[in-house]
Each structure stands twice: as structure tokens, then as C-alpha cells.
Protein backbone atom coordinates (compact mmCIF):
# COMPACT_ATOMS: atom_id res chain seq x y z
CA MET A 1 117.84 -17.56 76.37
CA GLN A 2 119.68 -16.10 73.43
CA ALA A 3 119.69 -17.88 70.11
CA TYR A 4 122.48 -17.43 67.61
CA PHE A 5 122.09 -17.93 63.88
CA VAL A 6 124.52 -20.47 62.52
CA PRO A 7 124.32 -20.80 58.74
CA ASN A 8 123.84 -24.24 57.27
CA GLU A 9 126.99 -25.14 55.32
CA ASN A 10 124.90 -26.98 52.70
CA GLN A 11 122.96 -23.86 51.77
CA SER A 12 124.22 -20.56 50.46
CA PRO A 13 121.14 -18.34 50.46
CA SER A 14 121.51 -14.66 49.79
CA ALA A 15 119.02 -12.33 51.40
CA GLU A 16 118.98 -8.77 52.74
CA VAL A 17 116.85 -7.90 55.79
CA SER A 18 115.46 -4.41 56.32
CA ILE A 19 113.56 -3.33 59.45
CA GLN A 20 111.50 -0.13 59.57
CA ALA A 21 109.31 1.20 62.37
CA SER A 22 106.62 3.86 62.84
CA THR A 23 105.17 4.80 66.22
CA ASP A 24 101.68 5.99 67.15
CA PRO A 25 102.31 8.18 70.24
CA VAL A 26 98.65 8.06 71.34
CA SER A 27 98.21 4.28 71.52
CA GLN A 28 101.85 3.46 72.38
CA LYS A 29 101.82 0.96 69.50
CA GLU A 30 104.58 0.64 66.98
CA PHE A 31 104.26 -0.92 63.55
CA ILE A 32 107.29 -2.99 62.61
CA LYS A 33 107.96 -3.99 59.00
CA VAL A 34 110.56 -6.58 58.17
CA MET A 35 111.47 -6.97 54.51
CA VAL A 36 113.58 -9.81 53.18
CA ILE A 37 115.08 -9.42 49.70
CA GLY A 38 117.04 -12.08 47.86
CA SER A 39 116.61 -15.35 46.05
CA ARG A 40 113.45 -17.38 46.70
CA LYS A 41 115.60 -20.03 48.39
CA GLY A 42 117.31 -17.38 50.55
CA ILE A 43 114.01 -15.79 51.55
CA ASN A 44 112.51 -19.16 52.52
CA SER A 45 115.62 -19.98 54.56
CA ILE A 46 115.45 -16.69 56.50
CA ILE A 47 111.69 -17.05 57.13
CA LYS A 48 112.13 -20.63 58.41
CA THR A 49 115.05 -19.57 60.62
CA LEU A 50 113.02 -16.70 62.11
CA HIS A 51 110.16 -19.15 62.70
CA ARG A 52 112.48 -21.55 64.55
CA LEU A 53 113.63 -18.60 66.68
CA ARG A 54 109.93 -17.87 67.43
CA PHE A 55 110.14 -14.44 65.81
CA ALA A 56 107.21 -14.94 63.40
CA GLU A 57 104.98 -17.64 61.98
CA VAL A 58 105.69 -18.62 58.39
CA ARG A 59 102.08 -17.76 57.40
CA GLU A 60 102.53 -14.15 58.61
CA TRP A 61 104.91 -13.35 55.74
CA SER A 62 103.67 -12.15 52.37
CA PRO A 63 104.22 -14.47 49.41
CA PRO A 64 107.51 -13.72 47.61
CA ILE A 65 107.06 -11.20 44.79
CA PRO A 66 109.54 -9.87 42.21
CA TYR A 67 111.71 -7.01 43.46
CA GLY A 68 112.87 -4.57 40.80
CA ALA A 69 114.64 -5.64 37.65
CA SER A 70 117.40 -7.51 39.51
CA GLY A 71 115.67 -10.89 39.41
CA GLU A 72 115.46 -10.92 43.20
CA MET A 73 112.32 -11.59 45.22
CA MET A 74 110.87 -9.83 48.27
CA SER A 75 108.72 -10.92 51.21
CA LEU A 76 107.29 -8.64 53.91
CA LEU A 77 106.23 -9.12 57.53
CA ARG A 78 104.20 -6.41 59.28
CA ARG A 79 103.68 -6.60 63.02
CA GLN A 80 102.26 -4.29 65.68
CA ILE A 81 103.95 -4.15 69.09
CA MET A 82 103.53 -2.15 72.29
CA VAL A 83 106.30 0.31 73.17
CA ASP A 84 107.15 1.82 76.54
């Protein structure tokens, strides 16, 4: 079943999502990093949405930390998956 993200009209979070991957050819495992950058409210909204979509548990994300001099925050998820 596909799930589609429909933004909540009552919230206007701003967050940028970046996904990076590195593969270990010997073990066939790939390390996925998902970084969310934006306001604290925006980050929390994205993390909760991804949790509802069963992408990741809330506790798997790093606590939000300051990101650069922009006043934005950043949270990171690192996961290992098997690749074919």
C-alpha cells in the first residue's frame, strides 16, 4: 500500500531532507543517512510523519542540534539495510 504525504493546513513547517548512501560490497549492506534540516517544529513534524508511515521510530533520530549560522536545526537518522 502506498502512502502519500498530505501536509496539515494548520502547520507550516519548513524542513529539507537529504538522503545519502554508502555501500559495503563485501557484506551487501548499505548505510543510509537521512538528514532533516529546518525549524525545530518542522523537524518534529517530518519525524512524526515518517514514523506514521513506518519509515523509522522517533527514538532512532538524533536530537535536533544547531545547523550552521542560519538559526536552523538538524536531526540525523542512520540505518543499515541489505542491498541486492
